[in-house]
Amino acid sequence: MIVLGLSGALGHDASAALLVDGEIVAAAEEERFLRDKHARNRLPLHAARYCLSESGISATDVDVVAFPYAPVSILGTARWHYARRHWYAPDRALDAIFNGNRRFRRHRSRILSAGPTLGLDWSRTSFVPVLHHLAHASSAYHLSGFGGRTAILGIDGKGEYATTFIGVGEHGRIRRIREFYDPDSLAGVYGAITEYLGFEMLDGEYKVMGMAPYGDAARFDFARLFGCGGENWDGRIRVDNRLVNTVGLRRFKANGRGHYFGPGLVERLGAPRCGDGVDEPYIHYAAAAQRAYEDACLALVDRYLAPVLDETGRLAFAGGGALNVKLNQRILARHDVRELFVQPAAGDSGTALGAATYVANAGGDVVAPMRHVFLGPRYSTAECRQALRGHERLHVAELDDVARQTADLLAAGAPVAWFQGRMEFGPRALGARSILGCPSVRGIADRINAAIKYRERWRPFCPSMTDDIAANVLGSDHPAPYMTIAFDVAEEWRWRIPEVVHVDGTARAQVVTRVANPRYYALLTRLGERTGAPVVLNTSLNRRGEPIACTPRDAVEIFLGSDLRHLVMEDLLVSKDTVGPGSG
């Protein structure tokens, strides 16, 4: 069966994914083609065309279009819960009761209208909606490769109405144990605090996570904001929506814009943060929010999934809240968790993949485990050379040993833009569209932040390392191919790779295997021969506020618009001067 998943119903992170007989053949986010981060209010037309082109499949051959947004019955709990909790905004409450599927109808209409643009024939292609959180659950469970019973956790801002999904998977089927509904959203509270701390919701949550280790979580108690866990807890999530997850008149307004938190939060904590510094008391707020979020999520696991974990030790996790690597570190540290799979595209872009896997499984296909995330476009050396036309001032050389010669540059202290193979699917650069540095070169992280990424100086960087040393560096042999889990870096390694160790001694690591990415693995190996550590500082190939590079032209524009001196595109070394491999 050929299934095309299309996401974007929530107004952001539109994407497309294509499955053929249960195997992922292509997936990409629309933002990469539009050069517009999160592709707000756009349909995934470019991404869908790419998926079809990559697979060589005609749109008329698609059996099903799977859409991760579905109608919700008035007979269920969700719409009534939303109405009851939003009594102070009667227009929203009444709309949920009497017109609760309005958004679904609008987005279904948009997809059906766009079908002919893609070449879809609705007379032979079915349109199948999948509940948003069920799509998240499927993206984790069906692609985890876990056999037997598996605990499933989905934590997200919200879908149709649901915010949190707790379930179990067995024999390909997903059974819901418990679900919670808007405004009772743990990820929503974290997003509201993200806004209060001066970052953009849906984009800045990882900045809060990066800021948190600079503060003292014990200075403030945010547990009541999240409304989950603690003594005498009844098992519900009930956030304080006078302070966070607010709508309408309860929102704090500044400069003509309403926020996802209320004036009461500002009265308690002070004015919202502005600027790029790591200053007090905001670092302590970040630390307190991170700790409270972790504690609330673990309380849910304890309450609802402990029996499954005691039996099997397997947990599959998705939703935007699953991208919190410090939470995932604590989950993996549990005595009852032996295997943790976090969907690398855990946010809403991954729901295109989740809807497609759910439909494929329901249709009888055996869904193959996710082996890697290199599912986007690829470009030849000739196409890379074509993108350099008109840039005569750049020095271009064809490399005969890409890994060795790039390792020479890195070991000499030069940051290098690295553009290789198929683009990654999901928010992490994992060795296809990256900016690299040698993690033993003092000051290189500050240099990349200030003059290349143009972002806050306190932001941490991640290490990529070969699988043969990972257990020694991270103190764990658990698979970590997607930068979705933080680890405590071993003491003897902290001084060897200081530029990729955060202030709390942790690192969001990627463990690279030769099978998953042979050229990147070869680069790490060569760098290890020069420095004694097959580890590289790895960050995404973009500048602040931009999507990760997709095409060679994107890479060249980022290269020219930053202080980067070297760009390796397939077999080409592009330099802004005539300095070659082996020089700084």
Protein backbone atom coordinates (compact mmCIF):
# COMPACT_ATOMS: atom_id res chain seq x y z
CA MET A 1 0.00 0.00 0.00
CA ILE A 2 1.20 3.52 -0.82
CA VAL A 3 0.38 6.03 1.93
CA LEU A 4 1.13 9.74 1.80
CA GLY A 5 1.02 11.49 5.18
CA LEU A 6 0.38 15.24 5.16
CA SER A 7 0.55 17.41 8.29
CA GLY A 8 0.01 21.08 9.08
CA ALA A 9 -3.54 21.26 10.45
CA LEU A 10 -2.42 23.14 13.56
CA GLY A 11 -1.01 25.98 11.51
CA HIS A 12 2.66 25.10 11.84
CA ASP A 13 5.26 22.47 10.95
CA ALA A 14 3.64 21.27 7.73
CA SER A 15 5.36 18.16 6.40
CA ALA A 16 4.93 15.13 4.17
CA ALA A 17 5.97 11.50 4.50
CA LEU A 18 5.60 8.60 2.08
CA LEU A 19 5.34 4.92 3.00
CA VAL A 20 5.44 2.11 0.46
CA ASP A 21 4.45 -1.30 1.79
CA GLY A 22 5.25 -0.19 5.33
CA GLU A 23 8.69 1.25 4.52
CA ILE A 24 9.51 4.95 4.83
CA VAL A 25 10.91 6.11 1.50
CA ALA A 26 10.84 9.88 1.99
CA ALA A 27 9.88 12.58 4.48
CA ALA A 28 10.51 16.31 4.66
CA GLU A 29 9.29 19.52 6.30
CA GLU A 30 7.76 22.25 4.18
CA GLU A 31 9.81 24.94 5.93
CA ARG A 32 12.99 23.67 4.28
CA PHE A 33 11.65 24.36 0.80
CA LEU A 34 9.98 27.68 1.62
CA ARG A 35 12.86 28.96 3.79
CA ASP A 36 10.22 30.01 6.32
CA LYS A 37 10.70 28.48 9.76
CA HIS A 38 7.73 26.34 10.84
CA ALA A 39 5.91 27.14 7.53
CA ARG A 40 3.03 28.69 9.42
CA ASN A 41 -0.42 28.29 7.85
CA ARG A 42 1.04 26.56 4.80
CA LEU A 43 0.20 23.22 3.25
CA PRO A 44 3.04 20.74 2.63
CA LEU A 45 2.88 20.99 -1.15
CA HIS A 46 6.62 21.21 -1.86
CA ALA A 47 7.34 18.46 0.66
CA ALA A 48 4.69 16.18 -0.89
CA ARG A 49 6.03 16.77 -4.40
CA TYR A 50 9.50 15.93 -3.19
CA CYS A 51 8.33 12.67 -1.55
CA LEU A 52 6.59 11.54 -4.72
CA SER A 53 9.55 12.51 -6.90
CA GLU A 54 12.09 10.81 -4.64
CA SER A 55 10.17 7.56 -4.73
CA GLY A 56 9.40 7.71 -8.45
CA ILE A 57 5.70 7.29 -7.65
CA SER A 58 2.95 9.10 -9.49
CA ALA A 59 0.38 10.90 -7.35
CA THR A 60 -2.33 8.86 -9.05
CA ASP A 61 -0.76 5.71 -7.55
CA VAL A 62 -1.23 6.89 -3.96
CA ASP A 63 -3.76 4.68 -2.20
CA VAL A 64 -4.34 6.81 0.91
CA VAL A 65 -3.66 10.33 2.08
CA ALA A 66 -3.35 10.15 5.87
CA PHE A 67 -4.06 13.35 7.77
CA PRO A 68 -3.16 13.74 11.49
CA TYR A 69 -6.28 15.62 12.54
CA ALA A 70 -9.72 14.07 12.91
CA PRO A 71 -13.28 14.87 14.00
CA VAL A 72 -14.06 14.50 17.72
CA SER A 73 -17.49 13.25 18.77
CA ILE A 74 -19.80 15.38 20.91
CA LEU A 75 -20.57 12.18 22.82
CA GLY A 76 -17.03 11.92 24.16
CA THR A 77 -15.29 13.78 26.97
CA ALA A 78 -12.97 16.10 25.07
CA ARG A 79 -15.27 18.85 23.84
CA TRP A 80 -17.24 19.03 27.10
CA HIS A 81 -14.03 19.22 29.12
CA TYR A 82 -12.79 22.07 26.94
CA ALA A 83 -16.08 23.94 27.32
CA ARG A 84 -16.17 23.47 31.09
CA ARG A 85 -12.58 24.64 31.59
CA HIS A 86 -13.11 27.66 29.31
CA TRP A 87 -16.32 28.86 30.95
CA TYR A 88 -14.79 32.34 31.25
CA ALA A 89 -14.60 32.55 27.41
CA PRO A 90 -18.19 31.56 26.50
CA ASP A 91 -17.66 32.06 22.77
CA ARG A 92 -14.97 29.35 22.80
CA ALA A 93 -16.89 27.10 25.16
CA LEU A 94 -20.08 27.18 23.09
CA ASP A 95 -18.13 26.75 19.87
CA ALA A 96 -16.54 23.56 21.23
CA ILE A 97 -19.95 22.11 22.06
CA PHE A 98 -21.93 23.14 18.98
CA ASN A 99 -19.25 23.47 16.30
CA GLY A 100 -16.38 21.47 17.70
CA ASN A 101 -15.10 20.08 14.41
CA ARG A 102 -14.99 23.39 12.58
CA ARG A 103 -11.20 23.37 12.31
CA PHE A 104 -11.16 19.81 11.01
CA ARG A 105 -13.66 20.62 8.27
CA ARG A 106 -11.66 23.66 7.22
CA HIS A 107 -8.38 21.80 6.97
CA ARG A 108 -9.92 18.78 5.27
CA SER A 109 -11.35 21.17 2.68
CA ARG A 110 -7.91 22.73 2.16
CA ILE A 111 -6.27 19.33 1.63
CA LEU A 112 -8.99 18.11 -0.71
CA SER A 113 -8.80 21.34 -2.73
CA ALA A 114 -5.01 21.07 -2.98
CA GLY A 115 -5.14 17.44 -4.11
CA PRO A 116 -5.38 18.19 -7.84
CA THR A 117 -2.41 20.57 -7.50
CA LEU A 118 -0.37 17.56 -6.41
CA GLY A 119 -1.93 15.34 -9.06
CA LEU A 120 -4.01 13.32 -6.60
CA ASP A 121 -7.17 11.70 -7.92
CA TRP A 122 -9.71 11.59 -5.10
CA SER A 123 -11.84 9.11 -7.03
CA ARG A 124 -9.20 6.47 -6.35
CA THR A 125 -7.22 7.91 -3.42
CA SER A 126 -8.83 7.78 0.02
CA PHE A 127 -8.57 10.62 2.53
CA VAL A 128 -8.21 9.15 6.03
CA PRO A 129 -8.07 11.41 9.12
CA VAL A 130 -6.20 10.14 12.18
CA LEU A 131 -6.56 11.68 15.63
CA HIS A 132 -3.58 13.95 16.24
CA HIS A 133 -2.32 12.22 19.37
CA LEU A 134 -2.88 8.81 17.86
CA ALA A 135 -0.58 9.91 15.03
CA HIS A 136 2.05 10.95 17.58
CA ALA A 137 1.66 7.59 19.34
CA SER A 138 2.00 5.67 16.08
CA SER A 139 5.10 7.62 15.06
CA ALA A 140 6.79 6.38 18.22
CA TYR A 141 5.35 2.90 18.70
CA HIS A 142 5.15 1.60 15.14
CA LEU A 143 8.62 2.90 14.23
CA SER A 144 10.36 1.88 17.46
CA GLY A 145 11.04 -1.68 16.35
CA PHE A 146 10.04 -2.88 19.82
CA GLY A 147 8.51 -6.33 20.03
CA GLY A 148 5.91 -7.25 22.60
CA ARG A 149 4.01 -4.90 24.89
CA THR A 150 5.25 -1.33 24.86
CA ALA A 151 4.27 1.63 27.02
CA ILE A 152 3.38 4.69 24.92
CA LEU A 153 3.54 8.30 26.05
CA GLY A 154 2.55 11.37 24.04
CA ILE A 155 2.97 14.87 25.45
CA ASP A 156 2.13 17.82 23.21
CA GLY A 157 0.68 21.31 23.36
CA LYS A 158 -2.64 20.13 21.96
CA GLY A 159 -4.14 18.42 18.96
CA GLU A 160 -7.86 18.59 18.29
CA TYR A 161 -8.51 18.77 22.04
CA ALA A 162 -6.16 16.21 23.55
CA THR A 163 -2.87 17.32 25.05
CA THR A 164 -1.52 14.10 26.55
CA PHE A 165 -1.83 10.47 25.47
CA ILE A 166 -1.00 7.46 27.64
CA GLY A 167 -1.36 4.01 26.16
CA VAL A 168 0.08 0.62 25.40
CA GLY A 169 1.00 -1.01 22.12
CA GLU A 170 0.90 -4.73 21.40
CA HIS A 171 0.75 -6.78 18.18
CA GLY A 172 0.63 -3.55 16.18
CA ARG A 173 -2.42 -2.20 17.99
CA ILE A 174 -2.50 0.91 20.17
CA ARG A 175 -4.80 0.95 23.18
CA ARG A 176 -5.48 4.18 25.03
CA ILE A 177 -5.19 4.07 28.82
CA ARG A 178 -5.80 7.75 29.57
CA GLU A 179 -6.00 11.06 27.76
CA PHE A 180 -6.08 14.67 28.96
CA TYR A 181 -7.54 17.71 27.21
CA ASP A 182 -6.96 21.40 26.67
CA PRO A 183 -6.20 23.55 28.66
CA ASP A 184 -4.68 20.87 30.89
CA SER A 185 -1.43 20.57 28.97
CA LEU A 186 2.00 20.06 30.50
CA ALA A 187 3.71 21.04 27.26
CA GLY A 188 1.38 24.04 27.08
CA VAL A 189 2.54 25.26 30.49
CA TYR A 190 6.17 24.85 29.43
CA GLY A 191 5.33 26.83 26.29
CA ALA A 192 3.67 29.59 28.31
CA ILE A 193 6.78 29.91 30.48
CA THR A 194 8.85 29.90 27.29
CA GLU A 195 6.90 32.97 26.20
CA TYR A 196 7.29 34.61 29.60
CA LEU A 197 11.05 34.07 29.37
CA GLY A 198 11.16 36.02 26.11
CA PHE A 199 11.27 33.17 23.60
CA GLU A 200 8.79 32.14 20.95
CA MET A 201 6.44 29.24 21.69
CA LEU A 202 6.95 26.18 19.48
CA ASP A 203 10.50 27.36 18.80
CA GLY A 204 12.12 28.46 22.06
CA GLU A 205 11.34 25.62 24.45
CA TYR A 206 14.79 24.13 23.90
CA LYS A 207 16.27 27.51 24.86
CA VAL A 208 14.51 27.30 28.22
CA MET A 209 15.96 23.82 28.61
CA GLY A 210 19.42 25.20 27.76
CA MET A 211 19.03 28.10 30.19
CA ALA A 212 17.80 25.95 33.09
CA PRO A 213 21.21 24.59 34.23
CA TYR A 214 22.40 28.14 34.91
CA GLY A 215 19.71 28.57 37.59
CA ASP A 216 18.68 27.08 40.91
CA ALA A 217 15.42 25.12 40.66
CA ALA A 218 14.99 25.18 44.43
CA ARG A 219 14.50 28.95 44.42
CA PHE A 220 10.93 28.67 43.08
CA ASP A 221 8.18 26.04 43.09
CA PHE A 222 6.27 25.82 39.82
CA ALA A 223 4.60 22.48 40.58
CA ARG A 224 1.15 24.03 41.06
CA LEU A 225 1.32 25.63 37.61
CA PHE A 226 1.57 22.18 36.03
CA GLY A 227 -1.15 20.67 38.22
CA CYS A 228 0.19 17.12 38.12
CA GLY A 229 1.75 14.97 40.83
CA GLY A 230 2.49 15.60 44.48
CA GLU A 231 0.85 14.32 47.63
CA ASN A 232 -2.85 13.38 47.44
CA TRP A 233 -2.77 13.65 43.65
CA ASP A 234 -5.90 12.19 42.04
CA GLY A 235 -4.29 11.29 38.72
CA ARG A 236 -5.62 14.26 36.72
CA ILE A 237 -3.75 17.09 35.05
CA ARG A 238 -5.31 20.38 36.10
CA VAL A 239 -3.18 23.40 35.31
CA ASP A 240 -3.83 26.83 36.81
CA ASN A 241 -5.32 28.46 33.71
CA ARG A 242 -5.70 31.78 35.45
CA LEU A 243 -1.91 32.05 35.16
CA VAL A 244 -0.93 29.87 32.16
CA ASN A 245 -2.60 28.29 29.11
CA THR A 246 -4.91 31.29 29.05
CA VAL A 247 -7.27 32.51 26.32
CA GLY A 248 -9.31 35.66 25.70
CA LEU A 249 -9.50 38.23 28.47
CA ARG A 250 -7.29 36.18 30.79
CA ARG A 251 -4.25 36.73 28.59
CA PHE A 252 -1.46 39.14 29.44
CA LYS A 253 -1.24 41.72 26.68
CA ALA A 254 1.76 43.81 25.69
CA ASN A 255 2.43 45.82 22.53
CA GLY A 256 -0.95 44.81 21.16
CA ARG A 257 -0.27 41.10 21.46
CA GLY A 258 -1.87 38.56 23.76
CA HIS A 259 0.29 35.93 25.43
CA TYR A 260 -0.29 32.40 26.60
CA PHE A 261 0.09 33.47 30.22
CA GLY A 262 -2.03 35.77 32.36
CA PRO A 263 -1.39 39.04 34.22
CA GLY A 264 -1.38 37.05 37.46
CA LEU A 265 1.86 35.34 36.45
CA VAL A 266 3.48 38.72 35.83
CA GLU A 267 2.26 39.97 39.21
CA ARG A 268 3.88 36.98 40.91
CA LEU A 269 7.14 36.79 38.94
CA GLY A 270 7.74 40.29 37.65
CA ALA A 271 8.02 41.68 34.14
CA PRO A 272 8.58 39.18 31.29
CA ARG A 273 12.20 38.76 30.26
CA CYS A 274 13.72 40.70 27.36
CA GLY A 275 17.11 40.38 25.69
CA ASP A 276 19.61 37.56 25.17
CA GLY A 277 21.37 37.37 28.52
CA VAL A 278 21.30 34.68 31.18
CA ASP A 279 20.20 36.91 34.00
CA GLU A 280 18.44 36.62 37.34
CA PRO A 281 15.77 35.82 38.33
CA TYR A 282 14.91 34.36 34.93
CA ILE A 283 17.53 31.63 35.01
CA HIS A 284 15.94 30.38 38.23
CA TYR A 285 12.48 30.48 36.64
CA ALA A 286 13.83 28.37 33.77
CA ALA A 287 15.36 25.89 36.19
CA ALA A 288 12.16 25.69 38.25
CA ALA A 289 10.01 25.19 35.15
CA GLN A 290 12.29 22.46 33.84
CA ARG A 291 12.27 20.62 37.17
CA ALA A 292 8.48 20.92 37.56
CA TYR A 293 7.90 19.71 34.00
CA GLU A 294 10.12 16.68 34.52
CA ASP A 295 8.46 15.85 37.83
CA ALA A 296 4.95 16.15 36.35
CA CYS A 297 5.76 13.91 33.39
CA LEU A 298 7.37 11.30 35.61
CA ALA A 299 4.32 11.39 37.87
CA LEU A 300 2.20 10.41 34.85
CA VAL A 301 4.57 7.56 34.04
CA ASP A 302 4.44 6.34 37.63
CA ARG A 303 0.66 6.53 37.81
CA TYR A 304 -0.31 4.99 34.49
CA LEU A 305 2.60 3.16 32.88
CA ALA A 306 4.56 1.60 35.74
CA PRO A 307 2.77 -1.79 35.46
CA VAL A 308 3.61 -2.04 31.75
CA LEU A 309 7.19 -0.92 32.32
CA ASP A 310 7.65 -3.40 35.17
CA GLU A 311 6.65 -6.12 32.73
CA THR A 312 8.47 -5.05 29.58
CA GLY A 313 10.81 -2.13 30.25
CA ARG A 314 9.97 -0.55 26.87
CA LEU A 315 8.70 3.00 26.36
CA ALA A 316 7.92 4.81 23.10
CA PHE A 317 7.62 8.60 23.41
CA ALA A 318 6.46 11.36 21.03
CA GLY A 319 4.84 14.79 20.92
CA GLY A 320 6.62 18.12 21.12
CA GLY A 321 7.16 17.57 24.85
CA ALA A 322 9.28 14.51 24.04
CA LEU A 323 12.03 16.73 22.60
CA ASN A 324 13.01 17.67 26.16
CA VAL A 325 16.26 15.74 26.46
CA LYS A 326 16.68 16.32 30.20
CA LEU A 327 13.29 14.75 30.84
CA ASN A 328 14.31 11.82 28.66
CA GLN A 329 17.51 11.43 30.67
CA ARG A 330 15.45 11.03 33.82
CA ILE A 331 13.07 8.60 32.12
CA LEU A 332 15.96 6.43 30.97
CA ALA A 333 17.40 6.52 34.50
CA ARG A 334 14.26 4.82 35.88
CA HIS A 335 14.83 1.31 37.12
CA ASP A 336 11.89 0.03 35.07
CA VAL A 337 12.94 1.55 31.70
CA ARG A 338 15.38 -0.60 29.74
CA GLU A 339 14.59 0.62 26.22
CA LEU A 340 13.47 4.14 25.32
CA PHE A 341 12.59 5.20 21.79
CA VAL A 342 11.92 8.89 21.29
CA GLN A 343 10.61 9.70 17.83
CA PRO A 344 13.31 12.00 16.35
CA ALA A 345 10.61 14.10 14.66
CA ALA A 346 8.59 14.14 17.87
CA GLY A 347 6.94 17.49 17.16
CA ASP A 348 4.05 18.12 14.83
CA SER A 349 6.11 17.63 11.67
CA GLY A 350 6.37 13.98 12.74
CA THR A 351 2.59 13.54 12.68
CA ALA A 352 2.69 13.20 8.88
CA LEU A 353 4.83 10.13 9.46
CA GLY A 354 2.65 8.98 12.36
CA ALA A 355 -0.60 9.27 10.42
CA ALA A 356 0.94 7.34 7.53
CA THR A 357 2.26 4.56 9.77
CA TYR A 358 -1.06 4.28 11.58
CA VAL A 359 -2.99 3.91 8.33
CA ALA A 360 -0.43 1.53 6.84
CA ASN A 361 -0.57 -0.71 9.92
CA ALA A 362 -4.37 -0.64 9.96
CA GLY A 363 -4.35 -1.62 6.27
CA GLY A 364 -2.28 -4.73 6.92
CA ASP A 365 1.23 -3.51 6.11
CA VAL A 366 4.05 -4.48 8.44
CA VAL A 367 5.64 -1.14 9.34
CA ALA A 368 9.42 -1.32 9.25
CA PRO A 369 11.36 0.22 12.17
CA MET A 370 12.92 3.64 11.69
CA ARG A 371 16.57 3.03 10.82
CA HIS A 372 17.69 6.61 10.23
CA VAL A 373 16.35 10.11 9.53
CA PHE A 374 18.08 10.75 6.22
CA LEU A 375 14.82 10.94 4.29
CA GLY A 376 15.08 14.30 2.53
CA PRO A 377 16.55 15.52 -0.77
CA ARG A 378 20.09 14.72 -1.89
CA TYR A 379 22.28 16.55 -4.39
CA SER A 380 25.22 15.47 -6.52
CA THR A 381 28.64 17.09 -6.57
CA ALA A 382 27.75 18.50 -10.01
CA GLU A 383 24.61 20.12 -8.57
CA CYS A 384 26.67 21.58 -5.75
CA ARG A 385 29.11 23.02 -8.25
CA GLN A 386 26.21 24.52 -10.20
CA ALA A 387 25.06 26.37 -7.05
CA LEU A 388 28.46 28.07 -6.90
CA ARG A 389 28.15 29.71 -10.31
CA GLY A 390 28.45 33.47 -10.06
CA HIS A 391 30.63 33.27 -6.91
CA GLU A 392 34.02 33.58 -8.58
CA ARG A 393 35.68 34.93 -5.43
CA LEU A 394 35.19 31.61 -3.70
CA HIS A 395 37.92 29.04 -3.98
CA VAL A 396 36.55 25.61 -4.98
CA ALA A 397 38.57 22.39 -4.85
CA GLU A 398 37.52 18.80 -5.44
CA LEU A 399 38.60 16.58 -2.58
CA ASP A 400 39.99 13.10 -3.07
CA ASP A 401 39.50 12.10 0.61
CA VAL A 402 36.63 14.13 2.05
CA ALA A 403 36.80 12.67 5.57
CA ARG A 404 40.57 13.07 5.97
CA GLN A 405 40.79 16.56 4.52
CA THR A 406 37.79 17.85 6.49
CA ALA A 407 39.26 16.36 9.66
CA ASP A 408 42.47 18.32 8.95
CA LEU A 409 40.51 21.57 8.92
CA LEU A 410 38.61 20.73 12.10
CA ALA A 411 41.74 19.65 13.98
CA ALA A 412 43.39 22.94 12.99
CA GLY A 413 40.58 24.81 14.74
CA ALA A 414 38.38 25.81 11.81
CA PRO A 415 34.59 25.48 11.91
CA VAL A 416 33.30 23.73 8.80
CA ALA A 417 29.88 23.70 7.15
CA TRP A 418 29.07 20.10 6.18
CA PHE A 419 26.52 19.37 3.44
CA GLN A 420 26.30 15.67 2.60
CA GLY A 421 23.76 13.14 1.34
CA ARG A 422 20.05 13.20 2.10
CA MET A 423 18.69 15.92 4.39
CA GLU A 424 17.54 14.94 7.88
CA PHE A 425 13.84 14.75 8.79
CA GLY A 426 13.09 16.40 12.11
CA PRO A 427 14.58 19.31 14.04
CA ARG A 428 18.08 17.90 14.65
CA ALA A 429 21.06 18.13 12.32
CA LEU A 430 22.63 14.68 12.46
CA GLY A 431 25.52 14.85 10.04
CA ALA A 432 23.90 15.76 6.73
CA ARG A 433 23.26 19.51 7.12
CA SER A 434 25.61 20.55 9.93
CA ILE A 435 28.16 23.08 11.13
CA LEU A 436 31.03 21.22 12.73
CA GLY A 437 33.89 22.10 15.06
CA CYS A 438 36.55 20.31 17.03
CA PRO A 439 35.27 20.06 20.64
CA SER A 440 38.76 20.25 22.14
CA VAL A 441 39.48 23.67 20.60
CA ARG A 442 38.83 26.21 23.35
CA GLY A 443 36.43 28.98 22.41
CA ILE A 444 35.06 27.42 19.26
CA ALA A 445 31.52 27.20 20.71
CA ASP A 446 31.53 30.92 21.49
CA ARG A 447 32.84 31.67 18.01
CA ILE A 448 30.11 29.64 16.29
CA ASN A 449 27.38 31.17 18.46
CA ALA A 450 28.53 34.75 17.97
CA ALA A 451 29.81 34.95 14.38
CA ILE A 452 28.19 32.04 12.56
CA LYS A 453 24.85 31.16 14.18
CA TYR A 454 24.26 34.72 15.51
CA ARG A 455 22.49 33.38 18.59
CA GLU A 456 22.73 33.65 22.36
CA ARG A 457 26.27 33.02 23.61
CA TRP A 458 25.08 30.71 26.41
CA ARG A 459 23.45 28.20 24.05
CA PRO A 460 25.05 24.74 24.24
CA PHE A 461 26.25 22.53 21.43
CA CYS A 462 25.95 18.78 20.95
CA PRO A 463 28.53 16.10 20.29
CA SER A 464 28.45 13.45 17.60
CA MET A 465 30.66 10.47 18.42
CA THR A 466 31.45 7.02 17.10
CA ASP A 467 29.68 4.07 18.65
CA ASP A 468 32.91 2.42 19.79
CA ILE A 469 33.63 5.10 22.42
CA ALA A 470 30.08 6.17 23.33
CA ALA A 471 29.73 3.94 26.39
CA ASN A 472 32.96 5.31 27.88
CA VAL A 473 31.99 8.93 27.23
CA LEU A 474 28.33 8.72 28.25
CA GLY A 475 28.36 5.94 30.82
CA SER A 476 25.62 4.13 28.90
CA ASP A 477 25.38 1.74 25.99
CA HIS A 478 21.76 2.68 25.27
CA PRO A 479 21.24 3.60 21.58
CA ALA A 480 21.33 7.37 20.99
CA PRO A 481 21.29 8.00 17.24
CA TYR A 482 19.00 11.06 17.20
CA MET A 483 20.11 13.53 19.91
CA THR A 484 16.93 12.95 21.89
CA ILE A 485 18.48 12.04 25.26
CA ALA A 486 20.94 13.87 27.52
CA PHE A 487 23.71 11.94 29.28
CA ASP A 488 26.16 12.71 32.07
CA VAL A 489 29.57 12.97 30.44
CA ALA A 490 32.27 10.92 32.17
CA GLU A 491 34.65 13.05 34.23
CA GLU A 492 37.75 12.07 32.24
CA TRP A 493 36.06 13.16 29.01
CA ARG A 494 34.81 16.55 30.15
CA TRP A 495 38.24 18.16 29.85
CA ARG A 496 38.90 16.42 26.51
CA ILE A 497 35.75 17.70 24.76
CA PRO A 498 34.82 20.78 26.82
CA GLU A 499 33.04 22.66 24.02
CA VAL A 500 30.19 20.12 23.88
CA VAL A 501 29.65 19.63 27.62
CA HIS A 502 26.95 21.83 29.16
CA VAL A 503 27.45 23.66 32.46
CA ASP A 504 25.72 20.82 34.33
CA GLY A 505 28.12 18.20 32.95
CA THR A 506 25.63 16.74 30.46
CA ALA A 507 25.55 16.47 26.70
CA ARG A 508 22.76 15.82 24.19
CA ALA A 509 24.73 13.23 22.29
CA GLN A 510 24.44 11.57 18.91
CA VAL A 511 26.03 8.15 18.63
CA VAL A 512 26.98 7.50 15.01
CA THR A 513 27.28 4.09 13.40
CA ARG A 514 29.10 3.26 10.20
CA VAL A 515 25.91 1.76 8.73
CA ALA A 516 23.71 4.80 9.33
CA ASN A 517 26.12 7.41 7.91
CA PRO A 518 29.38 6.02 6.47
CA ARG A 519 30.94 9.34 5.43
CA TYR A 520 30.18 11.08 8.72
CA TYR A 521 31.52 8.06 10.61
CA ALA A 522 34.70 8.20 8.53
CA LEU A 523 35.09 11.90 9.36
CA LEU A 524 34.75 11.19 13.10
CA THR A 525 37.27 8.38 12.83
CA ARG A 526 39.78 10.60 11.02
CA LEU A 527 39.32 13.37 13.56
CA GLY A 528 39.91 10.85 16.32
CA GLU A 529 43.22 9.87 14.73
CA ARG A 530 44.34 13.51 14.95
CA THR A 531 42.95 14.47 18.37
CA GLY A 532 42.49 11.22 20.24
CA ALA A 533 38.72 11.75 20.38
CA PRO A 534 36.40 10.69 17.53
CA VAL A 535 33.93 13.37 18.63
CA VAL A 536 32.79 16.49 16.80
CA LEU A 537 30.79 19.55 17.83
CA ASN A 538 27.66 19.38 15.67
CA THR A 539 25.03 22.07 15.18
CA SER A 540 22.50 22.67 12.43
CA LEU A 541 23.48 24.36 9.16
CA ASN A 542 21.45 27.54 9.55
CA ARG A 543 21.53 30.95 11.17
CA ARG A 544 19.30 32.19 13.93
CA GLY A 545 15.64 32.15 12.91
CA GLU A 546 16.20 30.16 9.71
CA PRO A 547 15.27 26.60 8.77
CA ILE A 548 18.09 24.11 8.31
CA ALA A 549 19.60 24.21 4.81
CA CYS A 550 17.97 22.01 2.21
CA THR A 551 19.65 22.74 -1.13
CA PRO A 552 23.22 23.59 -2.14
CA ARG A 553 22.04 27.14 -2.82
CA ASP A 554 20.78 27.37 0.79
CA ALA A 555 24.15 26.17 2.06
CA VAL A 556 26.03 28.71 -0.03
CA GLU A 557 23.82 31.58 1.16
CA ILE A 558 24.34 30.60 4.81
CA PHE A 559 28.08 30.27 4.15
CA LEU A 560 28.32 33.71 2.57
CA GLY A 561 26.17 35.32 5.29
CA SER A 562 28.31 34.17 8.20
CA ASP A 563 31.89 34.03 9.40
CA LEU A 564 32.33 30.48 8.13
CA ARG A 565 35.50 30.06 6.08
CA HIS A 566 35.01 26.51 4.82
CA LEU A 567 32.06 24.61 3.34
CA VAL A 568 32.28 20.96 2.35
CA MET A 569 29.50 20.09 -0.12
CA GLU A 570 29.65 16.48 -1.23
CA ASP A 571 33.16 16.21 -2.78
CA LEU A 572 33.81 19.96 -2.93
CA LEU A 573 35.69 22.17 -0.49
CA VAL A 574 34.54 25.77 -0.81
CA SER A 575 36.67 28.43 0.91
CA LYS A 576 36.45 32.20 1.15
CA ASP A 577 40.19 32.36 0.55
CA THR A 578 42.77 30.09 -0.98
CA VAL A 579 43.59 28.37 2.29
CA GLY A 580 43.31 24.63 1.74
CA PRO A 581 43.03 21.49 3.86
CA GLY A 582 45.49 21.31 6.71
CA SER A 583 45.39 25.04 7.39
CA GLY A 584 43.42 26.92 10.04
